[in-house]
């Protein structure tokens, strides 16, 4: 029987020792290597096939994350069986980062103010469990909504679909529709009623969607403007 060799994980640290201590024992058993420049990071990426990069910023923007994601793609394309994950530790994170990368399976964002959760989230992340990122807390709710597409080219814009909220946050929401209709990146109008019975229309973009066993659809929408 052929023996299967487990490749040891390497943690490439672009953070201070103080920041690394926030992660507790999450990296136990890993080779931890400090990188003091982008060149040393690239060198270590080539030498190690199973890598977690830990980076720190005062303010994390989508441009920062884009640069690392591009680096991950370049290394994966050049070297077979290369695994790279990215953990960003930051004092503040732009909303655009959450909107663009919220469901990226190889990326995790941790705010300095939430450092106490770092060991738990990191352990989940390293075990391959999805750690979806949210820029604001979501409130559970089941209020009815009316959803219609705002793509005037499509005949579907003549239809309005009734559904309900699953949860609601300051920048977006999850909705349920009993029929599958929309696709990711579609622009939609979401109509719902406030407690004072006033109706509100919010222009949104569909960031992701998934089907449900009953033939329905769950939508993840980002709020763009209130009409």
Protein backbone atom coordinates (compact mmCIF):
# COMPACT_ATOMS: atom_id res chain seq x y z
CA UNK A 1 0.00 0.00 0.00
CA UNK A 2 1.31 3.41 -0.96
CA UNK A 3 1.83 5.72 1.99
CA UNK A 4 0.07 9.09 1.75
CA UNK A 5 2.32 11.98 2.81
CA UNK A 6 0.62 14.87 4.56
CA UNK A 7 2.07 18.23 3.52
CA UNK A 8 2.71 20.41 6.55
CA UNK A 9 1.04 23.82 6.55
CA UNK A 10 3.28 26.89 6.47
CA UNK A 11 2.13 30.21 7.91
CA UNK A 12 3.73 33.20 6.22
CA UNK A 13 3.41 36.09 8.62
CA UNK A 14 3.33 39.73 7.52
CA UNK A 15 2.25 40.81 11.00
CA UNK A 16 3.92 41.59 14.30
CA UNK A 17 4.37 38.98 17.01
CA UNK A 18 1.77 40.84 19.08
CA UNK A 19 -0.82 40.51 16.30
CA UNK A 20 0.04 36.86 15.73
CA UNK A 21 -0.65 36.18 19.43
CA UNK A 22 -4.34 37.02 18.83
CA UNK A 23 -4.67 33.73 16.94
CA UNK A 24 -3.82 31.65 20.00
CA UNK A 25 -3.05 28.02 19.17
CA UNK A 26 -4.73 28.07 15.75
CA UNK A 27 -1.40 27.62 13.98
CA UNK A 28 -0.07 24.88 16.25
CA UNK A 29 1.87 22.31 14.22
CA UNK A 30 2.50 24.75 11.37
CA UNK A 31 5.83 26.16 10.23
CA UNK A 32 5.64 29.90 10.97
CA UNK A 33 7.92 32.06 8.85
CA UNK A 34 8.20 35.84 9.10
CA UNK A 35 8.24 37.73 5.80
CA UNK A 36 9.58 41.28 5.88
CA UNK A 37 9.01 42.15 2.23
CA UNK A 38 6.93 41.20 -0.80
CA UNK A 39 9.98 39.51 -2.35
CA UNK A 40 10.52 37.27 0.67
CA UNK A 41 6.81 36.42 0.58
CA UNK A 42 7.04 35.39 -3.07
CA UNK A 43 10.12 33.28 -2.34
CA UNK A 44 8.36 31.44 0.48
CA UNK A 45 5.26 30.90 -1.65
CA UNK A 46 7.35 29.09 -4.25
CA UNK A 47 9.05 26.92 -1.63
CA UNK A 48 5.89 25.85 0.22
CA UNK A 49 2.80 24.22 -1.26
CA UNK A 50 0.33 24.51 1.62
CA UNK A 51 0.39 28.11 2.77
CA UNK A 52 -1.60 30.51 4.93
CA UNK A 53 -0.64 34.16 4.52
CA UNK A 54 -1.47 36.44 7.45
CA UNK A 55 -1.43 40.14 6.54
CA UNK A 56 -2.17 43.24 8.63
CA UNK A 57 -3.49 46.67 7.60
CA UNK A 58 -4.66 49.79 9.37
CA UNK A 59 -7.36 50.10 6.72
CA UNK A 60 -8.05 47.19 4.36
CA UNK A 61 -9.39 48.15 0.93
CA UNK A 62 -10.53 45.99 -1.98
CA UNK A 63 -7.31 46.98 -3.76
CA UNK A 64 -5.25 45.32 -1.02
CA UNK A 65 -7.25 42.10 -1.23
CA UNK A 66 -7.26 42.15 -5.04
CA UNK A 67 -3.45 42.22 -5.01
CA UNK A 68 -3.26 39.12 -2.81
CA UNK A 69 -5.96 37.28 -4.75
CA UNK A 70 -4.04 37.96 -7.99
CA UNK A 71 -0.87 36.65 -6.36
CA UNK A 72 -2.71 33.51 -5.27
CA UNK A 73 -3.93 32.92 -8.83
CA UNK A 74 -0.47 33.47 -10.32
CA UNK A 75 1.17 31.02 -7.92
CA UNK A 76 -1.56 28.40 -8.43
CA UNK A 77 -1.21 28.71 -12.20
CA UNK A 78 2.58 28.34 -12.07
CA UNK A 79 2.84 25.53 -9.51
CA UNK A 80 0.64 22.45 -9.38
CA UNK A 81 -1.16 21.39 -6.19
CA UNK A 82 -0.38 24.70 -4.51
CA UNK A 83 -2.81 25.69 -1.72
CA UNK A 84 -2.93 29.26 -0.45
CA UNK A 85 -5.28 30.91 2.03
CA UNK A 86 -5.29 34.54 3.14
CA UNK A 87 -6.15 35.97 6.55
CA UNK A 88 -6.40 39.75 6.84
CA UNK A 89 -6.24 41.42 10.25
CA UNK A 90 -7.18 45.12 10.14
CA UNK A 91 -8.28 48.07 12.25
CA UNK A 92 -10.93 48.91 9.65
CA UNK A 93 -12.24 47.19 6.53
CA UNK A 94 -14.00 48.98 3.68
CA UNK A 95 -17.55 47.90 2.93
CA UNK A 96 -16.47 47.20 -0.68
CA UNK A 97 -14.24 44.38 0.59
CA UNK A 98 -17.21 42.58 2.15
CA UNK A 99 -19.35 43.20 -0.90
CA UNK A 100 -16.76 41.83 -3.31
CA UNK A 101 -15.16 39.00 -1.34
CA UNK A 102 -17.75 37.96 1.26
CA UNK A 103 -18.04 34.40 -0.08
CA UNK A 104 -14.42 33.77 -1.10
CA UNK A 105 -13.56 30.40 0.47
CA UNK A 106 -9.81 31.11 0.74
CA UNK A 107 -10.11 34.50 2.44
CA UNK A 108 -10.95 35.48 6.00
CA UNK A 109 -11.19 39.02 7.42
CA UNK A 110 -10.80 39.82 11.11
CA UNK A 111 -11.31 43.27 12.62
CA UNK A 112 -8.96 44.23 15.43
CA UNK A 113 -12.00 45.07 17.56
CA UNK A 114 -13.16 41.45 17.18
CA UNK A 115 -9.78 39.86 17.90
CA UNK A 116 -11.24 37.65 20.63
CA UNK A 117 -13.02 35.62 17.94
CA UNK A 118 -9.80 35.10 15.94
CA UNK A 119 -8.84 31.64 17.37
CA UNK A 120 -12.32 30.17 16.83
CA UNK A 121 -12.81 31.60 13.33
CA UNK A 122 -9.28 30.68 12.25
CA UNK A 123 -9.68 27.08 13.38
CA UNK A 124 -12.89 26.79 11.35
CA UNK A 125 -11.25 28.45 8.36
CA UNK A 126 -8.21 26.15 8.39
CA UNK A 127 -10.43 23.07 8.64
CA UNK A 128 -12.18 24.09 5.44
CA UNK A 129 -15.43 25.25 7.02
CA UNK A 130 -16.93 28.30 5.31
CA UNK A 131 -16.53 31.51 7.28
CA UNK A 132 -18.73 34.00 5.44
CA UNK A 133 -17.90 37.62 6.11
CA UNK A 134 -20.35 40.33 7.06
CA UNK A 135 -19.65 44.01 7.54
CA UNK A 136 -22.63 44.42 9.87
CA UNK A 137 -24.81 42.14 12.03
CA UNK A 138 -27.85 40.54 10.40
CA UNK A 139 -31.25 40.57 12.05
CA UNK A 140 -33.59 37.64 11.52
CA UNK A 141 -36.96 38.63 10.04
CA UNK A 142 -39.76 37.15 7.94
CA UNK A 143 -41.48 40.26 6.56
CA UNK A 144 -43.03 39.91 3.07
CA UNK A 145 -41.31 41.55 0.09
CA UNK A 146 -42.03 42.16 -3.57
CA UNK A 147 -39.09 41.68 -5.95
CA UNK A 148 -38.87 42.69 -9.59
CA UNK A 149 -35.99 42.98 -12.05
CA UNK A 150 -34.89 46.43 -13.21
CA UNK A 151 -33.30 45.11 -16.39
CA UNK A 152 -35.54 46.86 -18.92
CA UNK A 153 -34.22 44.71 -21.80
CA UNK A 154 -35.72 41.58 -20.29
CA UNK A 155 -39.41 40.69 -20.50
CA UNK A 156 -39.07 39.47 -16.93
CA UNK A 157 -39.31 43.09 -15.75
CA UNK A 158 -43.07 42.82 -16.35
CA UNK A 159 -43.28 40.29 -13.52
CA UNK A 160 -43.26 40.91 -9.80
CA UNK A 161 -42.46 38.05 -7.46
CA UNK A 162 -43.69 37.84 -3.89
CA UNK A 163 -41.27 36.51 -1.30
CA UNK A 164 -40.03 37.20 2.21
CA UNK A 165 -36.96 38.39 4.08
CA UNK A 166 -34.78 35.79 5.77
CA UNK A 167 -32.53 38.36 7.43
CA UNK A 168 -31.70 42.04 7.10
CA UNK A 169 -28.56 44.18 7.61
CA UNK A 170 -27.60 47.79 6.96
CA UNK A 171 -26.01 47.00 3.59
CA UNK A 172 -27.95 44.02 2.32
CA UNK A 173 -30.34 41.18 3.01
CA UNK A 174 -31.23 37.58 2.26
CA UNK A 175 -34.56 36.95 0.56
CA UNK A 176 -36.57 33.84 -0.22
CA UNK A 177 -38.68 33.46 -3.37
CA UNK A 178 -40.92 30.42 -3.98
CA UNK A 179 -39.79 30.31 -7.63
CA UNK A 180 -36.31 30.51 -9.13
CA UNK A 181 -36.06 33.54 -11.37
CA UNK A 182 -33.00 35.74 -10.91
CA UNK A 183 -29.27 35.32 -11.54
CA UNK A 184 -26.20 36.71 -9.76
CA UNK A 185 -25.38 40.32 -10.72
CA UNK A 186 -28.98 41.04 -11.73
CA UNK A 187 -30.32 44.43 -10.61
CA UNK A 188 -33.62 44.21 -8.76
CA UNK A 189 -36.07 46.44 -6.92
CA UNK A 190 -37.15 45.20 -3.49
CA UNK A 191 -40.42 46.61 -2.08
CA UNK A 192 -41.33 46.14 1.59
CA UNK A 193 -43.51 47.77 4.22
CA UNK A 194 -42.27 49.51 7.36
CA UNK A 195 -43.91 49.20 10.77
CA UNK A 196 -45.72 52.48 10.15
CA UNK A 197 -47.24 50.89 6.99
CA UNK A 198 -45.14 53.07 4.68
CA UNK A 199 -43.85 51.25 1.59
CA UNK A 200 -40.15 51.51 0.71
CA UNK A 201 -38.44 50.57 -2.55
CA UNK A 202 -34.73 49.67 -2.44
CA UNK A 203 -32.63 49.28 -5.57
CA UNK A 204 -30.30 46.30 -5.16
CA UNK A 205 -27.81 44.09 -6.93
CA UNK A 206 -27.86 40.34 -6.58
CA UNK A 207 -24.49 39.27 -5.15
CA UNK A 208 -25.25 35.52 -4.99
CA UNK A 209 -28.15 33.10 -5.29
CA UNK A 210 -28.89 29.46 -4.51
CA UNK A 211 -31.75 27.06 -5.12
CA UNK A 212 -33.85 25.45 -2.39
CA UNK A 213 -35.21 21.87 -2.24
CA UNK A 214 -38.77 23.12 -2.80
CA UNK A 215 -37.85 24.75 -6.14
CA UNK A 216 -37.47 28.21 -4.65
CA UNK A 217 -34.52 30.56 -4.54
CA UNK A 218 -32.49 32.32 -1.85
CA UNK A 219 -31.06 35.70 -2.88
CA UNK A 220 -28.23 37.67 -1.32
CA UNK A 221 -28.78 41.32 -2.27
CA UNK A 222 -26.65 44.40 -1.75
CA UNK A 223 -28.55 47.65 -1.16
CA UNK A 224 -27.65 50.39 -3.64
CA UNK A 225 -30.20 53.19 -3.15
CA UNK A 226 -33.59 53.85 -1.60
CA UNK A 227 -36.15 55.05 -4.15
